[in-house]
Protein backbone atom coordinates (compact mmCIF):
# COMPACT_ATOMS: atom_id res chain seq x y z
CA MET A 1 116.41 91.46 93.63
CA ARG A 2 114.75 94.83 92.40
CA LYS A 3 113.91 95.52 95.87
CA ARG A 4 117.30 95.09 97.40
CA LEU A 5 118.77 97.60 94.84
CA SER A 6 115.92 100.51 95.56
CA SER A 7 116.66 99.83 99.01
CA LEU A 8 120.30 100.58 98.25
CA LEU A 9 119.47 103.74 96.17
CA GLY A 10 117.29 105.03 99.16
CA ASP A 11 120.30 104.26 101.53
CA VAL A 12 122.33 106.89 99.44
CA ASP A 13 119.68 109.38 99.34
CA MET A 14 121.57 111.98 101.26
CA PHE A 15 125.05 111.45 99.47
CA ALA A 16 126.50 113.87 96.89
CA THR A 17 125.03 113.85 93.75
CA GLU A 18 127.84 112.11 91.94
CA ASP A 19 128.23 109.32 94.70
CA ARG A 20 124.06 108.62 94.24
CA ASP A 21 124.54 108.84 90.33
CA GLU A 22 127.58 106.19 90.70
CA VAL A 23 125.55 104.04 93.03
CA GLY A 24 122.63 103.95 90.43
CA ARG A 25 125.10 102.82 87.41
CA TYR A 26 126.68 100.04 89.89
CA ALA A 27 123.06 98.96 90.78
CA ILE A 28 122.45 98.34 87.10
CA ARG A 29 125.88 96.74 86.32
CA VAL A 30 124.75 94.26 89.53
CA TRP A 31 121.46 93.88 87.77
CA ARG A 32 122.89 92.99 84.47
CA ALA A 33 125.72 90.84 85.93
CA LEU A 34 123.09 88.63 87.59
CA GLY A 35 121.57 87.79 83.97
CA PHE A 36 118.67 89.91 83.92
CA LYS A 37 117.86 91.20 80.45
CA LYS A 38 114.77 93.36 81.26
CA GLU A 39 115.10 97.34 82.73
CA THR A 40 115.61 97.54 86.40
CA GLY A 41 112.49 99.84 86.77
CA LEU A 42 114.55 102.00 89.21
CA PHE A 43 114.71 105.19 87.29
CA TYR A 44 112.65 107.36 85.22
CA MET A 45 114.88 107.16 82.21
CA SER A 46 116.07 103.67 80.47
CA ASP A 47 119.07 101.82 82.21
CA ASP A 48 121.03 102.29 79.07
CA ARG A 49 120.68 105.98 79.44
CA VAL A 50 121.74 106.15 83.00
CA LEU A 51 124.85 104.15 82.21
CA GLN A 52 125.41 106.72 79.67
CA GLN A 53 125.59 109.63 81.84
C-alpha cells in the first residue's frame, strides 16, 4: 500500500504546492482509514505534523 501512495504522490509532483500538500494529507488519511498504525514513511516529517499543516 505504501508503494501505491508513494506513486500517487509522484503523479501529482507537477501540481501546485497546495494541491500536492492536500494529496499528501489525503494519502495519510487513506493509510489510517485502512487501519495502519505506523507512519507512512512518505514524508521527511511525521504524519501527524503533515496533517497539522
